[in-house]
């Protein structure tokens, strides 16, 4: 681990971007809103809304990404712990989401704030039409002075396409809403070099990039056992937004006010890249791939160095079972994953196209085949190649 990542800062100057953020996304996990036995802990929820209300009064726009719907539905449904099967999770979410929003409505009413519910699926943030609709909805809620409260639409999400945890959802919402910062709140006060209760574990104040995390032992779900993420997904989300031009802070819910003020609490993730398109952000960090295509050296150079689309003439083979529009990995002849992209053709169609030029494909298979295997706008380079 780099010395810079371990260093503490005596001044919070490098967090001025958090304190100055005009629009900020705050994500709170289930463990920070519920009890060990399940059900909402209204005292915790009120404490959080006190912080948000004060931040709004200071002139900042806040978007809250809130877990807790499934956990809130456990007690009314007589469930002792979070169910594992998707159908039961959907049922619990259907019961709990209303209870969660009712609690927020009561608590925010003390600040004359009206919450606006926004339920999203992964589809809503990767397909252009739905993405624009979600963006407009959040912008309008903010313009009208309401507080958008975002959650995954667990009642309809499927195993095949879902965020799986609200940390990743918060990262994508921060990008969608053109937020200036992201604050991730949980029951752990910061990122540590190992389990926080383990002797010798060091608190990490600042992360400059993914390489700073190479030697860390990052743990799982929190102490309450009601969430789905854990430290690993929070770190993934922070790295994701930093990779898209948005700084992030990871800390505990009781330190929310200090984090929003730019004080030196928790762990700060510095920006590592300019802002990316949302679909490319999803492809790079979240997309489930359904197969891969292998390309020759010429195509590898074109994709990596010239930023071109992937044409069939450079494709040597494919594997997996995928349809047109599915995410796939792009591998070189050394079997390294150099990129990801959304294929314009299925795994059944591609073998007919290997090594063929666009003109040859049009003549042999028809005009529908006179297009790229993966367009450059649907392609993102991966960590192996150093990113883009």
Protein backbone atom coordinates (compact mmCIF):
# COMPACT_ATOMS: atom_id res chain seq x y z
CA UNK A 1 0.00 0.00 0.00
CA UNK A 2 1.26 3.47 -0.82
CA UNK A 3 2.38 5.73 1.99
CA UNK A 4 -0.03 8.37 0.72
CA UNK A 5 -3.01 6.12 1.31
CA UNK A 6 -1.95 5.50 4.90
CA UNK A 7 -1.24 9.10 5.73
CA UNK A 8 -3.66 11.04 7.91
CA UNK A 9 -4.23 14.70 7.23
CA UNK A 10 -4.05 17.24 10.02
CA UNK A 11 -6.23 19.59 7.99
CA UNK A 12 -9.36 18.80 6.06
CA UNK A 13 -8.38 20.99 3.07
CA UNK A 14 -8.41 18.08 0.65
CA UNK A 15 -12.08 17.54 1.55
CA UNK A 16 -13.19 21.02 0.59
CA UNK A 17 -14.90 19.51 -2.43
CA UNK A 18 -17.22 17.62 -0.06
CA UNK A 19 -18.04 20.70 2.00
CA UNK A 20 -18.62 22.82 -1.13
CA UNK A 21 -20.73 20.24 -2.93
CA UNK A 22 -23.87 21.96 -4.17
CA UNK A 23 -25.57 18.64 -4.89
CA UNK A 24 -24.66 15.60 -2.84
CA UNK A 25 -25.85 12.02 -2.70
CA UNK A 26 -26.04 10.44 0.75
CA UNK A 27 -26.46 6.70 0.99
CA UNK A 28 -27.51 5.03 4.23
CA UNK A 29 -27.50 1.29 4.80
CA UNK A 30 -30.03 -0.96 6.49
CA UNK A 31 -27.78 -1.45 9.51
CA UNK A 32 -27.94 2.30 10.21
CA UNK A 33 -31.74 2.41 10.16
CA UNK A 34 -32.88 -0.86 11.72
CA UNK A 35 -32.50 -2.87 14.90
CA UNK A 36 -30.73 -6.19 15.34
CA UNK A 37 -34.13 -7.89 15.48
CA UNK A 38 -35.37 -6.19 12.33
CA UNK A 39 -37.80 -3.32 11.96
CA UNK A 40 -37.09 0.39 11.69
CA UNK A 41 -35.25 2.20 14.46
CA UNK A 42 -36.97 5.59 14.30
CA UNK A 43 -34.40 7.20 16.61
CA UNK A 44 -31.65 6.42 14.07
CA UNK A 45 -33.82 7.60 11.21
CA UNK A 46 -34.64 10.87 12.99
CA UNK A 47 -30.94 11.47 13.73
CA UNK A 48 -30.16 11.08 10.03
CA UNK A 49 -32.96 13.40 8.93
CA UNK A 50 -31.72 16.01 11.43
CA UNK A 51 -28.40 16.05 9.59
CA UNK A 52 -30.04 16.14 6.16
CA UNK A 53 -32.45 18.88 7.22
CA UNK A 54 -29.60 21.04 8.48
CA UNK A 55 -27.59 20.49 5.31
CA UNK A 56 -30.57 21.42 3.17
CA UNK A 57 -31.09 24.57 5.27
CA UNK A 58 -27.46 25.52 4.57
CA UNK A 59 -28.24 25.67 0.85
CA UNK A 60 -27.18 22.23 -0.38
CA UNK A 61 -29.25 19.86 -2.49
CA UNK A 62 -29.42 16.33 -1.05
CA UNK A 63 -30.46 13.08 -2.70
CA UNK A 64 -30.88 10.25 -0.20
CA UNK A 65 -30.34 6.67 -1.31
CA UNK A 66 -31.87 4.67 1.48
CA UNK A 67 -31.81 0.97 2.16
CA UNK A 68 -34.16 -0.49 4.73
CA UNK A 69 -37.30 -1.48 2.82
CA UNK A 70 -36.74 -5.22 3.09
CA UNK A 71 -35.52 -4.93 6.67
CA UNK A 72 -38.55 -2.79 7.57
CA UNK A 73 -40.85 -5.47 6.19
CA UNK A 74 -39.39 -8.35 8.19
CA UNK A 75 -41.16 -7.74 11.52
CA UNK A 76 -44.65 -7.10 10.06
CA UNK A 77 -44.31 -10.31 8.04
CA UNK A 78 -43.14 -12.34 11.02
CA UNK A 79 -39.69 -13.00 9.55
CA UNK A 80 -36.72 -13.28 11.90
CA UNK A 81 -34.02 -12.48 9.35
CA UNK A 82 -33.59 -11.32 5.78
CA UNK A 83 -34.84 -14.08 3.45
CA UNK A 84 -32.47 -15.54 0.88
CA UNK A 85 -34.90 -16.21 -1.95
CA UNK A 86 -35.83 -13.38 -4.29
CA UNK A 87 -39.61 -13.85 -4.04
CA UNK A 88 -39.57 -13.42 -0.23
CA UNK A 89 -37.28 -10.41 -0.54
CA UNK A 90 -39.70 -8.86 -3.02
CA UNK A 91 -42.63 -9.48 -0.66
CA UNK A 92 -40.77 -7.95 2.28
CA UNK A 93 -39.82 -4.94 0.16
CA UNK A 94 -43.44 -4.48 -0.90
CA UNK A 95 -44.49 -4.31 2.76
CA UNK A 96 -41.49 -2.38 4.04
CA UNK A 97 -41.14 0.35 1.42
CA UNK A 98 -44.35 2.05 2.51
CA UNK A 99 -43.34 1.86 6.17
CA UNK A 100 -39.94 3.32 5.36
CA UNK A 101 -41.37 6.27 3.40
CA UNK A 102 -43.97 6.94 6.09
CA UNK A 103 -41.21 7.17 8.69
CA UNK A 104 -39.20 9.55 6.50
CA UNK A 105 -42.28 11.67 5.85
CA UNK A 106 -42.88 12.10 9.60
CA UNK A 107 -39.25 12.87 10.39
CA UNK A 108 -38.66 15.28 7.50
CA UNK A 109 -41.90 17.11 8.23
CA UNK A 110 -40.17 18.76 11.17
CA UNK A 111 -38.04 20.62 8.58
CA UNK A 112 -40.93 21.29 6.21
CA UNK A 113 -39.31 18.87 3.79
CA UNK A 114 -41.41 16.60 1.61
CA UNK A 115 -39.78 13.33 0.49
CA UNK A 116 -40.26 12.10 -3.07
CA UNK A 117 -39.94 8.37 -3.63
CA UNK A 118 -37.86 7.18 -6.60
CA UNK A 119 -37.68 3.41 -7.14
CA UNK A 120 -35.18 2.29 -9.76
CA UNK A 121 -34.03 -0.90 -11.42
CA UNK A 122 -30.70 -1.42 -13.16
CA UNK A 123 -32.55 -1.18 -16.48
CA UNK A 124 -33.53 2.38 -15.61
CA UNK A 125 -29.90 3.46 -15.46
CA UNK A 126 -28.45 1.62 -18.44
CA UNK A 127 -31.12 2.16 -21.11
CA UNK A 128 -31.15 5.66 -22.52
CA UNK A 129 -34.91 6.34 -22.42
CA UNK A 130 -35.39 5.14 -18.85
CA UNK A 131 -32.17 6.86 -17.80
CA UNK A 132 -33.37 10.21 -19.08
CA UNK A 133 -36.72 9.73 -17.37
CA UNK A 134 -35.04 8.95 -14.05
CA UNK A 135 -32.75 11.94 -14.47
CA UNK A 136 -35.67 14.27 -15.18
CA UNK A 137 -37.65 12.92 -12.23
CA UNK A 138 -34.83 13.56 -9.76
CA UNK A 139 -34.07 17.00 -11.21
CA UNK A 140 -37.73 18.03 -10.99
CA UNK A 141 -38.04 16.81 -7.40
CA UNK A 142 -35.03 18.93 -6.46
CA UNK A 143 -36.34 21.93 -8.39
CA UNK A 144 -39.63 21.70 -6.50
CA UNK A 145 -37.78 21.67 -3.17
CA UNK A 146 -38.52 18.07 -2.26
CA UNK A 147 -36.02 15.49 -1.05
CA UNK A 148 -35.61 12.57 -3.49
CA UNK A 149 -35.35 9.26 -1.63
CA UNK A 150 -34.05 6.55 -3.93
CA UNK A 151 -34.15 2.80 -3.45
CA UNK A 152 -33.85 -0.21 -5.70
CA UNK A 153 -37.25 -1.39 -6.83
CA UNK A 154 -36.82 -4.73 -5.05
CA UNK A 155 -40.44 -5.70 -5.61
CA UNK A 156 -39.87 -6.09 -9.37
CA UNK A 157 -36.08 -6.48 -9.75
CA UNK A 158 -34.87 -9.82 -11.08
CA UNK A 159 -31.77 -11.83 -10.27
CA UNK A 160 -30.48 -11.34 -13.81
CA UNK A 161 -30.45 -7.55 -13.72
CA UNK A 162 -30.33 -5.82 -10.37
CA UNK A 163 -27.90 -3.71 -8.40
CA UNK A 164 -27.84 -6.20 -5.53
CA UNK A 165 -26.99 -3.48 -3.02
CA UNK A 166 -27.66 0.23 -2.68
CA UNK A 167 -23.98 1.19 -2.56
CA UNK A 168 -23.66 0.57 -6.29
CA UNK A 169 -27.05 2.17 -6.88
CA UNK A 170 -25.86 5.28 -5.02
CA UNK A 171 -22.77 5.48 -7.22
CA UNK A 172 -24.88 5.39 -10.38
CA UNK A 173 -27.40 7.88 -8.96
CA UNK A 174 -24.55 10.27 -8.13
CA UNK A 175 -23.47 10.07 -11.73
CA UNK A 176 -27.00 10.33 -13.15
CA UNK A 177 -27.83 13.38 -11.01
CA UNK A 178 -24.53 15.13 -11.79
CA UNK A 179 -23.80 15.19 -8.07
CA UNK A 180 -20.68 16.89 -6.75
CA UNK A 181 -19.96 14.30 -4.06
CA UNK A 182 -21.10 10.99 -2.55
CA UNK A 183 -21.21 10.12 1.15
CA UNK A 184 -21.67 6.44 2.05
CA UNK A 185 -22.96 5.82 5.58
CA UNK A 186 -22.95 2.50 7.42
CA UNK A 187 -22.19 1.10 10.88
CA UNK A 188 -18.41 1.27 10.34
CA UNK A 189 -16.62 4.59 10.82
CA UNK A 190 -14.03 4.19 8.03
CA UNK A 191 -12.04 1.83 5.88
CA UNK A 192 -9.35 -0.06 7.77
CA UNK A 193 -6.35 -2.08 6.62
CA UNK A 194 -8.03 -5.15 8.15
CA UNK A 195 -11.03 -5.99 10.36
CA UNK A 196 -11.51 -2.92 12.62
CA UNK A 197 -11.45 -5.04 15.79
CA UNK A 198 -8.26 -6.81 14.78
CA UNK A 199 -5.07 -5.63 16.52
CA UNK A 200 -2.82 -3.70 14.18
CA UNK A 201 -5.57 -2.62 11.77
CA UNK A 202 -4.99 0.94 10.61
CA UNK A 203 -7.63 3.49 9.70
CA UNK A 204 -7.19 4.61 6.08
CA UNK A 205 -7.91 8.32 5.70
CA UNK A 206 -7.44 8.70 1.95
CA UNK A 207 -7.49 6.44 -1.09
CA UNK A 208 -5.88 7.81 -4.25
CA UNK A 209 -6.88 4.91 -6.51
CA UNK A 210 -7.51 1.16 -6.73
CA UNK A 211 -3.83 0.31 -6.23
CA UNK A 212 -4.03 1.71 -2.70
CA UNK A 213 -6.39 -1.14 -1.83
CA UNK A 214 -4.21 -4.02 -2.99
CA UNK A 215 -3.05 -5.06 0.48
CA UNK A 216 -6.28 -4.48 2.38
CA UNK A 217 -8.47 -7.19 3.89
CA UNK A 218 -11.96 -5.82 3.19
CA UNK A 219 -14.78 -7.45 5.10
CA UNK A 220 -18.41 -8.40 4.54
CA UNK A 221 -21.81 -7.45 5.95
CA UNK A 222 -22.14 -5.23 8.99
CA UNK A 223 -22.97 -6.16 12.56
CA UNK A 224 -26.73 -5.86 12.19
CA UNK A 225 -26.91 -8.55 9.53
CA UNK A 226 -29.76 -6.79 7.73
CA UNK A 227 -27.84 -5.45 4.74
CA UNK A 228 -26.52 -7.00 1.55
CA UNK A 229 -23.37 -5.03 0.89
CA UNK A 230 -20.64 -4.83 3.46
CA UNK A 231 -17.38 -2.93 3.22
CA UNK A 232 -16.38 -4.46 -0.12
CA UNK A 233 -19.38 -3.05 -1.97
CA UNK A 234 -18.98 0.35 -0.31
CA UNK A 235 -15.38 0.50 -1.46
CA UNK A 236 -16.44 -0.63 -4.94
CA UNK A 237 -19.02 2.17 -5.06
CA UNK A 238 -16.53 4.80 -3.88
CA UNK A 239 -13.95 3.66 -6.44
CA UNK A 240 -16.65 3.70 -9.12
CA UNK A 241 -17.65 7.33 -8.56
CA UNK A 242 -14.05 8.44 -8.14
CA UNK A 243 -13.45 6.80 -11.53
CA UNK A 244 -16.16 9.08 -12.89
CA UNK A 245 -15.02 12.41 -11.48
CA UNK A 246 -16.93 12.42 -8.18
CA UNK A 247 -15.18 12.38 -4.76
CA UNK A 248 -16.57 10.13 -2.04
CA UNK A 249 -16.42 9.68 1.72
CA UNK A 250 -17.10 6.42 3.51
CA UNK A 251 -17.99 6.69 7.20
CA UNK A 252 -20.60 5.82 9.84
CA UNK A 253 -24.07 7.34 10.17
CA UNK A 254 -23.27 9.07 13.51
CA UNK A 255 -20.51 11.00 11.72
CA UNK A 256 -22.72 12.11 8.84
CA UNK A 257 -22.74 15.81 9.82
CA UNK A 258 -18.96 15.90 10.09
CA UNK A 259 -18.56 14.15 6.75
CA UNK A 260 -20.87 16.61 4.99
CA UNK A 261 -18.95 19.50 6.54
CA UNK A 262 -15.72 18.24 5.01
CA UNK A 263 -14.16 17.30 8.34
CA UNK A 264 -11.52 14.59 8.52
CA UNK A 265 -13.71 11.64 9.39
CA UNK A 266 -13.98 8.30 7.65
CA UNK A 267 -12.13 7.57 4.42
CA UNK A 268 -11.92 9.97 1.49
CA UNK A 269 -11.71 8.63 -2.08
CA UNK A 270 -10.00 11.08 -4.42
CA UNK A 271 -11.13 11.56 -8.02
CA UNK A 272 -9.16 9.39 -10.45
CA UNK A 273 -10.82 10.09 -13.80
CA UNK A 274 -13.03 12.58 -15.60
CA UNK A 275 -16.76 11.92 -15.73
CA UNK A 276 -17.80 8.87 -17.77
CA UNK A 277 -21.06 8.04 -19.51
CA UNK A 278 -23.42 6.11 -17.24
CA UNK A 279 -23.65 3.11 -19.54
CA UNK A 280 -19.85 2.88 -19.72
CA UNK A 281 -19.65 3.21 -15.94
CA UNK A 282 -22.10 0.32 -15.61
CA UNK A 283 -20.22 -1.76 -18.20
CA UNK A 284 -16.88 -1.19 -16.52
CA UNK A 285 -17.89 -1.90 -12.94
CA UNK A 286 -21.22 -3.70 -12.72
CA UNK A 287 -22.36 -5.44 -15.85
CA UNK A 288 -22.81 -9.20 -15.76
CA UNK A 289 -21.16 -10.54 -18.91
CA UNK A 290 -22.69 -13.43 -20.82
CA UNK A 291 -19.67 -14.50 -22.84
CA UNK A 292 -16.58 -13.22 -24.60
CA UNK A 293 -15.11 -12.49 -28.01
CA UNK A 294 -11.44 -13.01 -28.80
CA UNK A 295 -9.71 -10.58 -31.16
CA UNK A 296 -6.46 -10.52 -33.11
CA UNK A 297 -3.49 -8.20 -32.55
CA UNK A 298 -4.62 -5.69 -35.13
CA UNK A 299 -8.04 -5.31 -33.57
CA UNK A 300 -6.46 -5.11 -30.10
CA UNK A 301 -4.29 -2.20 -31.18
CA UNK A 302 -7.24 -0.46 -32.83
CA UNK A 303 -9.44 -0.82 -29.75
CA UNK A 304 -6.77 0.09 -27.19
CA UNK A 305 -4.81 2.79 -29.00
CA UNK A 306 -7.17 4.32 -31.51
CA UNK A 307 -10.49 3.99 -29.68
CA UNK A 308 -12.22 2.37 -32.61
CA UNK A 309 -15.25 0.12 -32.79
CA UNK A 310 -14.72 -3.64 -32.92
CA UNK A 311 -15.29 -5.04 -36.41
CA UNK A 312 -15.90 -8.67 -37.34
CA UNK A 313 -12.71 -8.80 -39.39
CA UNK A 314 -10.69 -8.71 -36.16
CA UNK A 315 -12.73 -11.32 -34.27
CA UNK A 316 -11.21 -14.82 -34.14
CA UNK A 317 -13.64 -16.66 -31.83
CA UNK A 318 -16.36 -16.30 -29.23
CA UNK A 319 -17.59 -18.22 -26.20
CA UNK A 320 -20.66 -18.22 -23.98
CA UNK A 321 -24.35 -17.85 -24.73
CA UNK A 322 -25.41 -14.27 -25.41
CA UNK A 323 -27.96 -12.33 -27.42
CA UNK A 324 -27.64 -9.06 -29.30
CA UNK A 325 -27.42 -6.26 -26.72
CA UNK A 326 -25.83 -8.42 -24.00
CA UNK A 327 -22.57 -7.34 -22.32
CA UNK A 328 -19.53 -9.43 -23.27
CA UNK A 329 -15.82 -9.43 -22.48
CA UNK A 330 -13.28 -8.65 -25.18
CA UNK A 331 -10.16 -10.82 -24.88
CA UNK A 332 -6.85 -10.66 -26.70
CA UNK A 333 -4.88 -13.64 -27.98
CA UNK A 334 -3.21 -13.95 -24.55
CA UNK A 335 -6.69 -14.47 -23.04
CA UNK A 336 -6.51 -11.15 -21.17
CA UNK A 337 -9.73 -9.18 -20.77
CA UNK A 338 -8.92 -5.82 -22.33
CA UNK A 339 -12.42 -4.38 -22.60
CA UNK A 340 -16.14 -4.92 -22.17
CA UNK A 341 -18.89 -4.03 -24.56
CA UNK A 342 -22.45 -4.64 -25.69
CA UNK A 343 -22.52 -6.98 -28.68
CA UNK A 344 -24.66 -6.18 -31.70
CA UNK A 345 -24.85 -9.88 -32.55
CA UNK A 346 -25.65 -13.12 -30.72
CA UNK A 347 -23.22 -15.95 -30.01
CA UNK A 348 -25.03 -17.94 -32.71
CA UNK A 349 -24.51 -15.27 -35.36
CA UNK A 350 -20.90 -14.34 -34.70
CA UNK A 351 -19.21 -17.58 -35.93
CA UNK A 352 -20.60 -16.82 -39.39
CA UNK A 353 -18.84 -13.45 -39.30
CA UNK A 354 -15.30 -14.20 -38.07
CA UNK A 355 -12.53 -12.54 -40.09
CA UNK A 356 -15.01 -11.00 -42.56
CA UNK A 357 -15.01 -7.37 -43.65
CA UNK A 358 -18.15 -5.26 -43.40
CA UNK A 359 -18.51 -5.32 -47.17
CA UNK A 360 -18.19 -9.11 -47.30
CA UNK A 361 -20.80 -9.50 -44.57
CA UNK A 362 -23.27 -7.29 -46.40
CA UNK A 363 -22.85 -9.24 -49.62
CA UNK A 364 -22.99 -12.66 -47.97
CA UNK A 365 -25.47 -12.18 -45.10
CA UNK A 366 -27.41 -9.01 -45.89
CA UNK A 367 -27.41 -5.34 -44.95
CA UNK A 368 -28.27 -6.04 -41.29
CA UNK A 369 -24.71 -7.32 -40.90
CA UNK A 370 -23.05 -4.16 -42.23
CA UNK A 371 -22.31 -2.88 -38.73
CA UNK A 372 -19.80 -3.18 -35.93
CA UNK A 373 -19.70 -6.19 -33.64
CA UNK A 374 -19.36 -3.68 -30.79
CA UNK A 375 -19.68 0.06 -31.39
CA UNK A 376 -17.12 2.31 -29.72
CA UNK A 377 -19.91 4.07 -27.78
CA UNK A 378 -20.83 0.72 -26.21
CA UNK A 379 -17.29 -0.29 -25.31
CA UNK A 380 -15.12 0.48 -22.29
CA UNK A 381 -11.54 -0.52 -21.57
CA UNK A 382 -10.88 -2.47 -18.37
CA UNK A 383 -8.30 -2.37 -15.59
CA UNK A 384 -6.02 -4.81 -17.39
CA UNK A 385 -5.33 -2.27 -20.09
CA UNK A 386 -5.15 0.67 -17.72
CA UNK A 387 -8.60 2.07 -18.44
CA UNK A 388 -9.59 5.11 -20.39
